[in-house]
């Protein structure tokens, strides 16, 4: 096996493993914190910003790209637009989300870890798609 092929296999193993762990976390570990945050948002009554909504939209997009990569369905068809979207999609680029994350996310440690790992997966996929090894 060539060095480049080995690096690609290793990168895909890391991406696939992290994606599977994030799916497991979402399904098994986050239900209580998601429910508490949902209740807090409901009680607050402000419908202009939803941290939980932002997290779910962000993680769904990242999961879609990770699924495409790990299942090797469309690796070659992932466009420059998709890479560009990944580069600019960080949930932390939203000022309202960043403020919430810094001020309130500590009340939700599992959800906080999930967001941080999802953003890390996003950065790993960018590097992989641009041909950088990690």
N, C-alpha and C. Protein backbone atom coordinates (compact mmCIF):
# COMPACT_ATOMS: atom_id res chain seq x y z
N UNK A 1 0.85 -1.16 0.00
CA UNK A 1 0.00 0.00 0.00
C UNK A 1 0.90 1.23 0.00
N UNK A 2 0.56 2.20 -0.84
CA UNK A 2 1.36 3.42 -0.91
C UNK A 2 1.14 4.25 0.34
N UNK A 3 2.08 5.16 0.59
CA UNK A 3 1.98 6.03 1.76
C UNK A 3 0.73 6.89 1.67
N UNK A 4 0.46 7.43 0.48
CA UNK A 4 -0.72 8.29 0.31
C UNK A 4 -2.00 7.49 0.55
N UNK A 5 -2.06 6.27 0.03
CA UNK A 5 -3.25 5.44 0.24
C UNK A 5 -3.40 5.09 1.71
N UNK A 6 -2.29 4.82 2.38
CA UNK A 6 -2.33 4.53 3.81
C UNK A 6 -2.81 5.71 4.62
N UNK A 7 -2.33 6.91 4.25
CA UNK A 7 -2.78 8.12 4.95
C UNK A 7 -4.26 8.36 4.72
N UNK A 8 -4.73 8.09 3.50
CA UNK A 8 -6.13 8.26 3.18
C UNK A 8 -6.99 7.29 3.99
N UNK A 9 -6.54 6.04 4.09
CA UNK A 9 -7.26 5.04 4.87
C UNK A 9 -7.30 5.44 6.34
N UNK A 10 -6.18 5.90 6.86
CA UNK A 10 -6.12 6.34 8.25
C UNK A 10 -7.05 7.53 8.47
N UNK A 11 -7.02 8.49 7.57
CA UNK A 11 -7.88 9.66 7.68
C UNK A 11 -9.35 9.24 7.69
N UNK A 12 -9.71 8.34 6.78
CA UNK A 12 -11.10 7.88 6.72
C UNK A 12 -11.48 7.11 7.98
N UNK A 13 -10.54 6.38 8.56
CA UNK A 13 -10.81 5.67 9.81
C UNK A 13 -11.08 6.65 10.94
N UNK A 14 -10.30 7.70 10.99
CA UNK A 14 -10.49 8.72 12.02
C UNK A 14 -11.82 9.43 11.83
N UNK A 15 -12.09 9.86 10.61
CA UNK A 15 -13.35 10.55 10.31
C UNK A 15 -14.53 9.62 10.60
N UNK A 16 -14.46 8.39 10.12
CA UNK A 16 -15.55 7.43 10.34
C UNK A 16 -15.76 7.12 11.81
N UNK A 17 -14.67 6.93 12.54
CA UNK A 17 -14.78 6.64 13.97
C UNK A 17 -15.39 7.78 14.75
N UNK A 18 -14.97 8.99 14.44
CA UNK A 18 -15.50 10.16 15.13
C UNK A 18 -16.97 10.36 14.79
N UNK A 19 -17.31 10.18 13.52
CA UNK A 19 -18.71 10.33 13.10
C UNK A 19 -19.59 9.31 13.82
N UNK A 20 -19.14 8.06 13.91
CA UNK A 20 -19.93 7.03 14.60
C UNK A 20 -20.07 7.35 16.09
N UNK A 21 -19.01 7.85 16.70
CA UNK A 21 -19.07 8.23 18.10
C UNK A 21 -20.05 9.39 18.31
N UNK A 22 -20.05 10.36 17.41
CA UNK A 22 -21.00 11.47 17.51
C UNK A 22 -22.44 10.98 17.36
N UNK A 23 -22.66 10.04 16.46
CA UNK A 23 -24.01 9.48 16.30
C UNK A 23 -24.43 8.76 17.58
N UNK A 24 -23.50 8.00 18.17
CA UNK A 24 -23.80 7.29 19.41
C UNK A 24 -24.12 8.29 20.53
N UNK A 25 -23.29 9.33 20.63
CA UNK A 25 -23.51 10.36 21.66
C UNK A 25 -24.90 10.98 21.51
N UNK A 26 -25.24 11.34 20.28
CA UNK A 26 -26.52 12.00 20.04
C UNK A 26 -27.68 11.09 20.44
N UNK A 27 -27.59 9.83 20.08
CA UNK A 27 -28.69 8.89 20.33
C UNK A 27 -28.77 8.45 21.79
N UNK A 28 -27.62 8.32 22.46
CA UNK A 28 -27.63 7.72 23.79
C UNK A 28 -27.35 8.69 24.94
N UNK A 29 -26.53 9.69 24.72
CA UNK A 29 -26.05 10.51 25.84
C UNK A 29 -26.68 11.89 25.95
N UNK A 30 -27.29 12.38 24.90
CA UNK A 30 -27.70 13.78 24.89
C UNK A 30 -29.17 14.03 25.14
N UNK A 31 -29.97 12.99 25.25
CA UNK A 31 -31.42 13.20 25.31
C UNK A 31 -31.83 14.06 26.51
N UNK A 32 -31.24 13.84 27.67
CA UNK A 32 -31.61 14.62 28.85
C UNK A 32 -31.23 16.10 28.68
N UNK A 33 -30.00 16.35 28.22
CA UNK A 33 -29.56 17.74 28.05
C UNK A 33 -30.32 18.43 26.93
N UNK A 34 -30.62 17.71 25.86
CA UNK A 34 -31.41 18.31 24.78
C UNK A 34 -32.80 18.68 25.29
N UNK A 35 -33.39 17.81 26.09
CA UNK A 35 -34.72 18.08 26.64
C UNK A 35 -34.68 19.29 27.58
N UNK A 36 -33.66 19.38 28.42
CA UNK A 36 -33.54 20.54 29.33
C UNK A 36 -33.37 21.84 28.55
N UNK A 37 -32.52 21.80 27.53
CA UNK A 37 -32.30 23.01 26.72
C UNK A 37 -33.57 23.38 25.96
N UNK A 38 -34.25 22.40 25.43
CA UNK A 38 -35.51 22.67 24.73
C UNK A 38 -36.51 23.32 25.68
N UNK A 39 -36.60 22.79 26.90
CA UNK A 39 -37.53 23.37 27.88
C UNK A 39 -37.12 24.79 28.24
N UNK A 40 -35.83 25.02 28.40
CA UNK A 40 -35.33 26.37 28.70
C UNK A 40 -35.68 27.34 27.57
N UNK A 41 -35.50 26.90 26.33
CA UNK A 41 -35.84 27.76 25.19
C UNK A 41 -37.34 28.04 25.17
N UNK A 42 -38.14 27.02 25.45
CA UNK A 42 -39.60 27.17 25.45
C UNK A 42 -40.03 28.15 26.54
N UNK A 43 -39.44 28.01 27.73
CA UNK A 43 -39.80 28.89 28.84
C UNK A 43 -39.36 30.33 28.60
N UNK A 44 -38.26 30.49 27.89
CA UNK A 44 -37.75 31.83 27.62
C UNK A 44 -38.67 32.58 26.66
N UNK A 45 -39.25 31.85 25.72
CA UNK A 45 -40.22 32.43 24.80
C UNK A 45 -39.64 33.21 23.63
N UNK A 46 -38.34 33.37 23.57
CA UNK A 46 -37.71 34.09 22.47
C UNK A 46 -37.52 33.12 21.30
N UNK A 47 -38.25 33.35 20.23
CA UNK A 47 -38.16 32.44 19.08
C UNK A 47 -37.15 32.91 18.04
N UNK A 48 -36.45 34.01 18.31
CA UNK A 48 -35.51 34.53 17.32
C UNK A 48 -34.20 33.76 17.30
N UNK A 49 -33.89 33.05 18.38
CA UNK A 49 -32.64 32.31 18.44
C UNK A 49 -32.84 31.02 19.22
N UNK A 50 -32.39 29.94 18.65
CA UNK A 50 -32.48 28.63 19.30
C UNK A 50 -31.13 27.94 19.24
N UNK A 51 -30.41 27.89 20.37
CA UNK A 51 -29.12 27.17 20.36
C UNK A 51 -29.29 25.73 19.92
N UNK A 52 -30.34 25.07 20.41
CA UNK A 52 -30.57 23.68 20.05
C UNK A 52 -30.83 23.54 18.55
N UNK A 53 -31.60 24.46 18.00
CA UNK A 53 -31.84 24.44 16.56
C UNK A 53 -30.56 24.61 15.77
N UNK A 54 -29.71 25.53 16.19
CA UNK A 54 -28.42 25.75 15.51
C UNK A 54 -27.55 24.50 15.58
N UNK A 55 -27.51 23.89 16.76
CA UNK A 55 -26.71 22.68 16.94
C UNK A 55 -27.20 21.58 16.01
N UNK A 56 -28.50 21.40 15.95
CA UNK A 56 -29.04 20.31 15.13
C UNK A 56 -28.84 20.55 13.64
N UNK A 57 -29.03 21.77 13.18
CA UNK A 57 -28.78 22.08 11.76
C UNK A 57 -27.31 21.86 11.41
N UNK A 58 -26.43 22.35 12.27
CA UNK A 58 -24.99 22.21 12.07
C UNK A 58 -24.59 20.74 12.05
N UNK A 59 -25.03 19.99 13.03
CA UNK A 59 -24.62 18.58 13.11
C UNK A 59 -25.23 17.75 11.99
N UNK A 60 -26.44 18.08 11.55
CA UNK A 60 -27.05 17.35 10.43
C UNK A 60 -26.24 17.54 9.15
N UNK A 61 -25.80 18.77 8.88
CA UNK A 61 -25.01 19.03 7.67
C UNK A 61 -23.68 18.27 7.74
N UNK A 62 -23.02 18.35 8.89
CA UNK A 62 -21.73 17.67 9.06
C UNK A 62 -21.92 16.16 8.92
N UNK A 63 -22.99 15.63 9.49
CA UNK A 63 -23.27 14.19 9.39
C UNK A 63 -23.49 13.77 7.94
N UNK A 64 -24.16 14.60 7.17
CA UNK A 64 -24.39 14.28 5.76
C UNK A 64 -23.09 14.16 4.98
N UNK A 65 -22.18 15.10 5.19
CA UNK A 65 -20.88 15.05 4.51
C UNK A 65 -20.08 13.85 5.01
N UNK A 66 -20.07 13.63 6.32
CA UNK A 66 -19.33 12.50 6.89
C UNK A 66 -19.87 11.18 6.34
N UNK A 67 -21.17 11.08 6.23
CA UNK A 67 -21.78 9.86 5.68
C UNK A 67 -21.33 9.64 4.24
N UNK A 68 -21.35 10.69 3.44
CA UNK A 68 -20.91 10.58 2.05
C UNK A 68 -19.45 10.13 1.96
N UNK A 69 -18.62 10.67 2.83
CA UNK A 69 -17.20 10.32 2.79
C UNK A 69 -16.96 8.90 3.25
N UNK A 70 -17.55 8.53 4.37
CA UNK A 70 -17.24 7.22 4.94
C UNK A 70 -17.89 6.08 4.18
N UNK A 71 -18.98 6.34 3.52
CA UNK A 71 -19.61 5.30 2.73
C UNK A 71 -19.08 5.28 1.30
N UNK A 72 -18.14 6.16 1.01
CA UNK A 72 -17.45 6.23 -0.28
C UNK A 72 -18.40 6.34 -1.46
N UNK A 73 -19.54 6.94 -1.21
CA UNK A 73 -20.50 7.08 -2.30
C UNK A 73 -20.13 8.22 -3.22
N UNK A 74 -19.74 9.35 -2.64
CA UNK A 74 -19.57 10.54 -3.47
C UNK A 74 -18.29 11.31 -3.16
N UNK A 75 -17.26 10.64 -2.75
CA UNK A 75 -16.03 11.34 -2.37
C UNK A 75 -15.54 12.21 -3.52
N UNK A 76 -15.54 11.70 -4.71
CA UNK A 76 -15.04 12.46 -5.86
C UNK A 76 -16.00 13.55 -6.30
N UNK A 77 -17.25 13.41 -5.94
CA UNK A 77 -18.24 14.38 -6.40
C UNK A 77 -18.45 15.52 -5.41
N UNK A 78 -17.78 15.47 -4.28
CA UNK A 78 -17.92 16.58 -3.34
C UNK A 78 -17.26 17.79 -3.96
N UNK A 79 -18.06 18.79 -4.19
CA UNK A 79 -17.62 19.95 -4.95
C UNK A 79 -16.83 20.94 -4.11
N UNK A 80 -16.24 21.86 -4.82
CA UNK A 80 -15.57 22.97 -4.15
C UNK A 80 -16.58 23.76 -3.30
N UNK A 81 -17.84 23.83 -3.77
CA UNK A 81 -18.87 24.52 -2.99
C UNK A 81 -19.08 23.85 -1.64
N UNK A 82 -19.08 22.52 -1.64
CA UNK A 82 -19.26 21.80 -0.38
C UNK A 82 -18.09 22.06 0.56
N UNK A 83 -16.88 22.07 0.02
CA UNK A 83 -15.70 22.36 0.84
C UNK A 83 -15.79 23.79 1.37
N UNK A 84 -16.18 24.70 0.49
CA UNK A 84 -16.37 26.10 0.89
C UNK A 84 -17.41 26.21 2.01
N UNK A 85 -18.52 25.49 1.85
CA UNK A 85 -19.56 25.50 2.88
C UNK A 85 -19.02 24.98 4.21
N UNK A 86 -18.26 23.90 4.16
CA UNK A 86 -17.67 23.36 5.39
C UNK A 86 -16.75 24.39 6.05
N UNK A 87 -15.99 25.11 5.22
CA UNK A 87 -15.06 26.10 5.76
C UNK A 87 -15.80 27.25 6.45
N UNK A 88 -16.95 27.62 5.93
CA UNK A 88 -17.67 28.78 6.45
C UNK A 88 -18.83 28.42 7.36
N UNK A 89 -19.05 27.15 7.60
CA UNK A 89 -20.23 26.71 8.32
C UNK A 89 -20.08 26.67 9.83
N UNK A 90 -18.93 26.89 10.36
CA UNK A 90 -18.74 26.74 11.80
C UNK A 90 -19.85 27.40 12.59
N UNK A 91 -20.44 26.64 13.47
CA UNK A 91 -21.52 27.14 14.31
C UNK A 91 -21.04 28.31 15.17
N UNK A 92 -19.74 28.37 15.40
CA UNK A 92 -19.18 29.43 16.23
C UNK A 92 -19.07 30.76 15.50
N UNK A 93 -19.36 30.79 14.21
CA UNK A 93 -19.35 32.06 13.47
C UNK A 93 -20.60 32.87 13.73
N UNK A 94 -21.58 32.26 14.33
CA UNK A 94 -22.80 32.97 14.71
C UNK A 94 -22.55 33.66 16.05
N UNK A 95 -22.68 34.97 16.05
CA UNK A 95 -22.42 35.73 17.28
C UNK A 95 -23.36 35.32 18.40
N UNK A 96 -24.63 35.13 18.07
CA UNK A 96 -25.59 34.76 19.11
C UNK A 96 -25.29 33.37 19.67
N UNK A 97 -24.87 32.44 18.80
CA UNK A 97 -24.51 31.12 19.30
C UNK A 97 -23.25 31.18 20.14
N UNK A 98 -22.25 31.91 19.69
CA UNK A 98 -21.00 32.03 20.44
C UNK A 98 -21.24 32.62 21.82
N UNK A 99 -22.08 33.64 21.89
CA UNK A 99 -22.41 34.24 23.18
C UNK A 99 -23.09 33.22 24.09
N UNK A 100 -24.06 32.48 23.54
CA UNK A 100 -24.73 31.45 24.32
C UNK A 100 -23.73 30.40 24.78
N UNK A 101 -22.88 29.96 23.86
CA UNK A 101 -21.92 28.90 24.16
C UNK A 101 -21.00 29.32 25.31
N UNK A 102 -20.51 30.53 25.26
CA UNK A 102 -19.59 31.02 26.30
C UNK A 102 -20.30 31.25 27.64
N UNK A 103 -21.56 31.65 27.59
CA UNK A 103 -22.24 32.00 28.84
C UNK A 103 -23.07 30.86 29.44
N UNK A 104 -23.56 29.95 28.62
CA UNK A 104 -24.53 28.97 29.13
C UNK A 104 -24.21 27.51 28.85
N UNK A 105 -23.33 27.23 27.93
CA UNK A 105 -23.10 25.84 27.53
C UNK A 105 -22.53 24.98 28.65
N UNK A 106 -21.93 25.59 29.65
CA UNK A 106 -21.40 24.81 30.76
C UNK A 106 -22.49 24.06 31.53
N UNK A 107 -23.73 24.52 31.40
CA UNK A 107 -24.85 23.82 32.04
C UNK A 107 -25.18 22.52 31.30
N UNK A 108 -24.60 22.36 30.12
CA UNK A 108 -24.87 21.21 29.27
C UNK A 108 -23.54 20.59 28.82
N UNK A 109 -22.80 19.95 29.72
CA UNK A 109 -21.44 19.50 29.38
C UNK A 109 -21.38 18.47 28.24
N UNK A 110 -22.35 17.58 28.18
CA UNK A 110 -22.33 16.58 27.10
C UNK A 110 -22.65 17.24 25.76
N UNK A 111 -23.59 18.14 25.77
CA UNK A 111 -23.94 18.86 24.55
C UNK A 111 -22.79 19.75 24.10
N UNK A 112 -22.12 20.35 25.04
CA UNK A 112 -20.95 21.18 24.73
C UNK A 112 -19.86 20.34 24.06
N UNK A 113 -19.57 19.18 24.63
CA UNK A 113 -18.58 18.28 24.03
C UNK A 113 -19.01 17.85 22.64
N UNK A 114 -20.28 17.56 22.47
CA UNK A 114 -20.81 17.16 21.17
C UNK A 114 -20.57 18.25 20.12
N UNK A 115 -20.84 19.49 20.48
CA UNK A 115 -20.63 20.61 19.55
C UNK A 115 -19.15 20.75 19.21
N UNK A 116 -18.30 20.67 20.22
CA UNK A 116 -16.86 20.81 19.99
C UNK A 116 -16.33 19.68 19.10
N UNK A 117 -16.78 18.45 19.34
CA UNK A 117 -16.33 17.32 18.51
C UNK A 117 -16.89 17.40 17.09
N UNK A 118 -18.11 17.89 16.96
CA UNK A 118 -18.69 18.05 15.62
C UNK A 118 -17.90 19.09 14.83
N UNK A 119 -17.52 20.17 15.48
CA UNK A 119 -16.72 21.18 14.80
C UNK A 119 -15.33 20.63 14.45
N UNK A 120 -14.78 19.81 15.32
CA UNK A 120 -13.49 19.17 15.03
C UNK A 120 -13.62 18.25 13.82
N UNK A 121 -14.71 17.48 13.75
CA UNK A 121 -14.95 16.62 12.59
C UNK A 121 -15.04 17.46 11.32
N UNK A 122 -15.70 18.60 11.41
CA UNK A 122 -15.81 19.51 10.26
C UNK A 122 -14.41 19.90 9.77
N UNK A 123 -13.53 20.26 10.70
CA UNK A 123 -12.18 20.67 10.32
C UNK A 123 -11.36 19.51 9.76
N UNK A 124 -11.54 18.31 10.31
CA UNK A 124 -10.85 17.13 9.77
C UNK A 124 -11.28 16.86 8.33
N UNK A 125 -12.58 16.98 8.07
CA UNK A 125 -13.08 16.71 6.73
C UNK A 125 -12.56 17.75 5.74
N UNK A 126 -12.46 18.99 6.15
CA UNK A 126 -11.90 20.02 5.28
C UNK A 126 -10.47 19.64 4.89
N UNK A 127 -9.67 19.29 5.89
CA UNK A 127 -8.28 18.90 5.61
C UNK A 127 -8.22 17.70 4.68
N UNK A 128 -9.06 16.70 4.95
CA UNK A 128 -9.07 15.51 4.11
C UNK A 128 -9.46 15.85 2.67
N UNK A 129 -10.51 16.63 2.50
CA UNK A 129 -10.98 16.96 1.16
C UNK A 129 -10.01 17.85 0.39
N UNK A 130 -9.22 18.59 1.11
CA UNK A 130 -8.20 19.42 0.44
C UNK A 130 -6.90 18.65 0.23
N UNK A 131 -6.88 17.39 0.65
CA UNK A 131 -5.69 16.57 0.43
C UNK A 131 -4.60 16.74 1.45
N UNK A 132 -4.92 17.36 2.57
CA UNK A 132 -3.93 17.52 3.63
C UNK A 132 -3.98 16.30 4.53
N UNK A 133 -2.82 15.85 4.98
CA UNK A 133 -2.83 14.73 5.90
C UNK A 133 -2.89 15.25 7.33
N UNK A 134 -3.42 14.42 8.21
CA UNK A 134 -3.48 14.80 9.62
C UNK A 134 -3.17 13.61 10.47
